[in-house]
């Protein structure tokens, strides 16, 4: 349970970092970016642990990469509708 809460808190920070690394207008605003950061943290942590074990730095890096990928996919999907 503690790992899930920690991943969510890291996801909040990761969402902000992903937004700073990918400037531009987001169709969903700040809340969607934070939610994508949380999802990216879950995906990135899972991938990081799968390939590199319990490496803390790899978890952070993969969380940021995961959030950036999800943000890019979200921009492409929502951008086509609007």
N, C-alpha and C. Protein backbone atom coordinates (compact mmCIF):
# COMPACT_ATOMS: atom_id res chain seq x y z
N UNK A 1 0.83 -1.19 0.00
CA UNK A 1 0.00 0.00 0.00
C UNK A 1 0.87 1.26 0.00
N UNK A 2 1.95 1.23 0.76
CA UNK A 2 2.84 2.37 0.81
C UNK A 2 3.49 2.62 -0.54
N UNK A 3 3.80 1.55 -1.26
CA UNK A 3 4.42 1.70 -2.59
C UNK A 3 3.48 2.40 -3.56
N UNK A 4 2.20 2.12 -3.47
CA UNK A 4 1.22 2.75 -4.36
C UNK A 4 1.11 4.24 -4.04
N UNK A 5 1.04 4.58 -2.77
CA UNK A 5 0.95 6.00 -2.38
C UNK A 5 2.22 6.74 -2.79
N UNK A 6 3.37 6.10 -2.61
CA UNK A 6 4.63 6.72 -3.02
C UNK A 6 4.67 6.94 -4.52
N UNK A 7 4.20 5.97 -5.29
CA UNK A 7 4.17 6.10 -6.74
C UNK A 7 3.24 7.23 -7.17
N UNK A 8 2.12 7.40 -6.48
CA UNK A 8 1.20 8.50 -6.80
C UNK A 8 1.86 9.84 -6.51
N UNK A 9 2.52 9.96 -5.37
CA UNK A 9 3.20 11.22 -5.04
C UNK A 9 4.33 11.51 -6.02
N UNK A 10 5.07 10.50 -6.39
CA UNK A 10 6.12 10.68 -7.40
C UNK A 10 5.49 11.07 -8.72
N UNK A 11 4.33 10.49 -9.04
CA UNK A 11 3.63 10.81 -10.28
C UNK A 11 3.22 12.27 -10.36
N UNK A 12 2.87 12.86 -9.23
CA UNK A 12 2.54 14.29 -9.22
C UNK A 12 3.75 15.13 -9.64
N UNK A 13 4.89 14.79 -9.08
CA UNK A 13 6.12 15.50 -9.43
C UNK A 13 6.52 15.21 -10.87
N UNK A 14 6.38 13.97 -11.28
CA UNK A 14 6.74 13.57 -12.64
C UNK A 14 5.85 14.29 -13.66
N UNK A 15 4.57 14.46 -13.36
CA UNK A 15 3.67 15.18 -14.26
C UNK A 15 4.12 16.61 -14.47
N UNK A 16 4.56 17.25 -13.41
CA UNK A 16 5.06 18.63 -13.52
C UNK A 16 6.35 18.66 -14.34
N UNK A 17 7.25 17.71 -14.08
CA UNK A 17 8.52 17.66 -14.83
C UNK A 17 8.25 17.39 -16.31
N UNK A 18 7.34 16.46 -16.61
CA UNK A 18 7.02 16.16 -18.01
C UNK A 18 6.45 17.39 -18.71
N UNK A 19 5.63 18.15 -18.01
CA UNK A 19 5.05 19.37 -18.59
C UNK A 19 6.15 20.40 -18.87
N UNK A 20 7.11 20.52 -17.95
CA UNK A 20 8.21 21.46 -18.16
C UNK A 20 9.11 21.04 -19.32
N UNK A 21 9.27 19.73 -19.51
CA UNK A 21 10.12 19.23 -20.60
C UNK A 21 9.41 19.24 -21.95
N UNK A 22 8.08 19.28 -21.93
CA UNK A 22 7.29 19.30 -23.17
C UNK A 22 6.39 20.54 -23.16
N UNK A 23 6.97 21.70 -23.46
CA UNK A 23 6.15 22.92 -23.42
C UNK A 23 5.10 22.91 -24.53
N UNK A 24 4.12 23.75 -24.36
CA UNK A 24 3.04 23.85 -25.34
C UNK A 24 1.71 23.72 -24.64
N UNK A 25 0.67 23.96 -25.40
CA UNK A 25 -0.68 23.89 -24.83
C UNK A 25 -1.12 22.44 -24.71
N UNK A 26 -1.66 22.13 -23.55
CA UNK A 26 -2.25 20.82 -23.32
C UNK A 26 -3.75 20.95 -23.38
N UNK A 27 -4.41 20.08 -24.13
CA UNK A 27 -5.86 20.17 -24.25
C UNK A 27 -6.60 20.00 -22.92
N UNK A 28 -6.02 19.27 -21.97
CA UNK A 28 -6.72 19.00 -20.72
C UNK A 28 -6.31 19.86 -19.56
N UNK A 29 -5.27 20.63 -19.71
CA UNK A 29 -4.82 21.49 -18.62
C UNK A 29 -3.92 20.78 -17.63
N UNK A 30 -3.75 21.42 -16.50
CA UNK A 30 -2.81 20.96 -15.49
C UNK A 30 -3.25 19.65 -14.83
N UNK A 31 -4.53 19.49 -14.56
CA UNK A 31 -5.02 18.29 -13.89
C UNK A 31 -4.77 17.04 -14.74
N UNK A 32 -5.07 17.12 -16.03
CA UNK A 32 -4.83 15.98 -16.92
C UNK A 32 -3.34 15.67 -16.99
N UNK A 33 -2.51 16.71 -17.03
CA UNK A 33 -1.07 16.49 -17.08
C UNK A 33 -0.59 15.77 -15.82
N UNK A 34 -1.12 16.14 -14.66
CA UNK A 34 -0.74 15.47 -13.42
C UNK A 34 -1.22 14.02 -13.43
N UNK A 35 -2.44 13.78 -13.90
CA UNK A 35 -2.95 12.41 -13.98
C UNK A 35 -2.11 11.56 -14.93
N UNK A 36 -1.70 12.17 -16.05
CA UNK A 36 -0.82 11.45 -16.97
C UNK A 36 0.54 11.19 -16.33
N UNK A 37 0.99 12.11 -15.48
CA UNK A 37 2.23 11.90 -14.75
C UNK A 37 2.13 10.72 -13.79
N UNK A 38 0.99 10.61 -13.12
CA UNK A 38 0.77 9.48 -12.21
C UNK A 38 0.76 8.18 -13.00
N UNK A 39 0.04 8.16 -14.12
CA UNK A 39 0.01 6.95 -14.97
C UNK A 39 1.40 6.64 -15.50
N UNK A 40 2.13 7.68 -15.91
CA UNK A 40 3.49 7.48 -16.39
C UNK A 40 4.40 6.94 -15.32
N UNK A 41 4.19 7.36 -14.07
CA UNK A 41 4.98 6.85 -12.96
C UNK A 41 4.71 5.36 -12.74
N UNK A 42 3.44 4.96 -12.83
CA UNK A 42 3.12 3.55 -12.68
C UNK A 42 3.75 2.73 -13.81
N UNK A 43 3.59 3.19 -15.05
CA UNK A 43 4.14 2.47 -16.20
C UNK A 43 5.67 2.48 -16.15
N UNK A 44 6.25 3.64 -15.88
CA UNK A 44 7.70 3.75 -15.83
C UNK A 44 8.32 2.93 -14.72
N UNK A 45 7.68 2.94 -13.55
CA UNK A 45 8.18 2.14 -12.43
C UNK A 45 8.12 0.67 -12.76
N UNK A 46 7.02 0.25 -13.36
CA UNK A 46 6.87 -1.15 -13.73
C UNK A 46 7.94 -1.55 -14.75
N UNK A 47 8.13 -0.73 -15.79
CA UNK A 47 9.14 -1.04 -16.80
C UNK A 47 10.55 -1.00 -16.22
N UNK A 48 10.82 0.00 -15.38
CA UNK A 48 12.14 0.11 -14.77
C UNK A 48 12.48 -1.08 -13.90
N UNK A 49 11.51 -1.53 -13.12
CA UNK A 49 11.74 -2.70 -12.27
C UNK A 49 11.85 -3.97 -13.08
N UNK A 50 11.14 -4.03 -14.19
CA UNK A 50 11.18 -5.22 -15.03
C UNK A 50 12.55 -5.38 -15.69
N UNK A 51 13.15 -4.28 -16.14
CA UNK A 51 14.41 -4.36 -16.86
C UNK A 51 15.63 -4.12 -16.00
N UNK A 52 15.54 -3.24 -14.98
CA UNK A 52 16.73 -2.87 -14.22
C UNK A 52 16.66 -3.24 -12.75
N UNK A 53 15.64 -3.91 -12.30
CA UNK A 53 15.53 -4.26 -10.89
C UNK A 53 15.03 -3.09 -10.06
N UNK A 54 15.50 -3.00 -8.83
CA UNK A 54 15.02 -1.98 -7.90
C UNK A 54 15.85 -0.70 -7.96
N UNK A 55 16.40 -0.38 -9.11
CA UNK A 55 17.24 0.80 -9.27
C UNK A 55 16.39 2.07 -9.14
N UNK A 56 16.65 2.87 -8.12
CA UNK A 56 15.84 4.06 -7.83
C UNK A 56 15.93 5.09 -8.96
N UNK A 57 17.12 5.34 -9.50
CA UNK A 57 17.29 6.32 -10.57
C UNK A 57 16.56 5.89 -11.83
N UNK A 58 16.62 4.63 -12.14
CA UNK A 58 15.92 4.14 -13.33
C UNK A 58 14.42 4.34 -13.18
N UNK A 59 13.89 4.22 -11.97
CA UNK A 59 12.47 4.45 -11.74
C UNK A 59 12.07 5.88 -12.03
N UNK A 60 12.87 6.84 -11.58
CA UNK A 60 12.59 8.24 -11.84
C UNK A 60 12.68 8.55 -13.32
N UNK A 61 13.74 8.09 -13.95
CA UNK A 61 13.95 8.35 -15.38
C UNK A 61 12.82 7.74 -16.19
N UNK A 62 12.50 6.50 -15.93
CA UNK A 62 11.44 5.83 -16.68
C UNK A 62 10.07 6.44 -16.39
N UNK A 63 9.86 6.92 -15.18
CA UNK A 63 8.59 7.58 -14.87
C UNK A 63 8.43 8.85 -15.69
N UNK A 64 9.49 9.63 -15.81
CA UNK A 64 9.44 10.87 -16.60
C UNK A 64 9.24 10.54 -18.07
N UNK A 65 9.97 9.54 -18.57
CA UNK A 65 9.81 9.13 -19.98
C UNK A 65 8.40 8.61 -20.23
N UNK A 66 7.88 7.79 -19.31
CA UNK A 66 6.52 7.27 -19.45
C UNK A 66 5.49 8.38 -19.47
N UNK A 67 5.64 9.38 -18.61
CA UNK A 67 4.70 10.50 -18.57
C UNK A 67 4.79 11.33 -19.85
N UNK A 68 6.00 11.52 -20.36
CA UNK A 68 6.15 12.29 -21.60
C UNK A 68 5.51 11.54 -22.77
N UNK A 69 5.67 10.24 -22.83
CA UNK A 69 5.06 9.45 -23.90
C UNK A 69 3.54 9.52 -23.80
N UNK A 70 3.00 9.36 -22.60
CA UNK A 70 1.54 9.44 -22.43
C UNK A 70 1.02 10.84 -22.76
N UNK A 71 1.77 11.87 -22.40
CA UNK A 71 1.37 13.24 -22.73
C UNK A 71 1.38 13.47 -24.23
N UNK A 72 2.37 12.94 -24.92
CA UNK A 72 2.44 13.05 -26.38
C UNK A 72 1.26 12.33 -27.04
N UNK A 73 0.98 11.11 -26.58
CA UNK A 73 -0.15 10.35 -27.13
C UNK A 73 -1.46 11.09 -26.86
N UNK A 74 -1.61 11.64 -25.66
CA UNK A 74 -2.82 12.38 -25.33
C UNK A 74 -2.98 13.60 -26.22
N UNK A 75 -1.89 14.32 -26.45
CA UNK A 75 -1.96 15.50 -27.34
C UNK A 75 -2.35 15.10 -28.76
N UNK A 76 -1.84 13.98 -29.23
CA UNK A 76 -2.16 13.55 -30.60
C UNK A 76 -3.63 13.14 -30.70
N UNK A 77 -4.14 12.42 -29.71
CA UNK A 77 -5.52 11.95 -29.77
C UNK A 77 -6.51 13.10 -29.60
N UNK A 78 -6.32 13.93 -28.59
CA UNK A 78 -7.24 15.03 -28.32
C UNK A 78 -7.08 16.14 -29.35
N UNK A 79 -5.87 16.33 -29.85
CA UNK A 79 -5.63 17.37 -30.86
C UNK A 79 -6.37 17.10 -32.16
N UNK A 80 -6.59 15.83 -32.50
CA UNK A 80 -7.33 15.49 -33.72
C UNK A 80 -8.81 15.79 -33.58
N UNK A 81 -9.33 15.68 -32.36
CA UNK A 81 -10.75 15.94 -32.15
C UNK A 81 -11.08 17.42 -32.14
N UNK A 82 -10.14 18.23 -31.63
CA UNK A 82 -10.43 19.66 -31.45
C UNK A 82 -10.06 20.47 -32.58
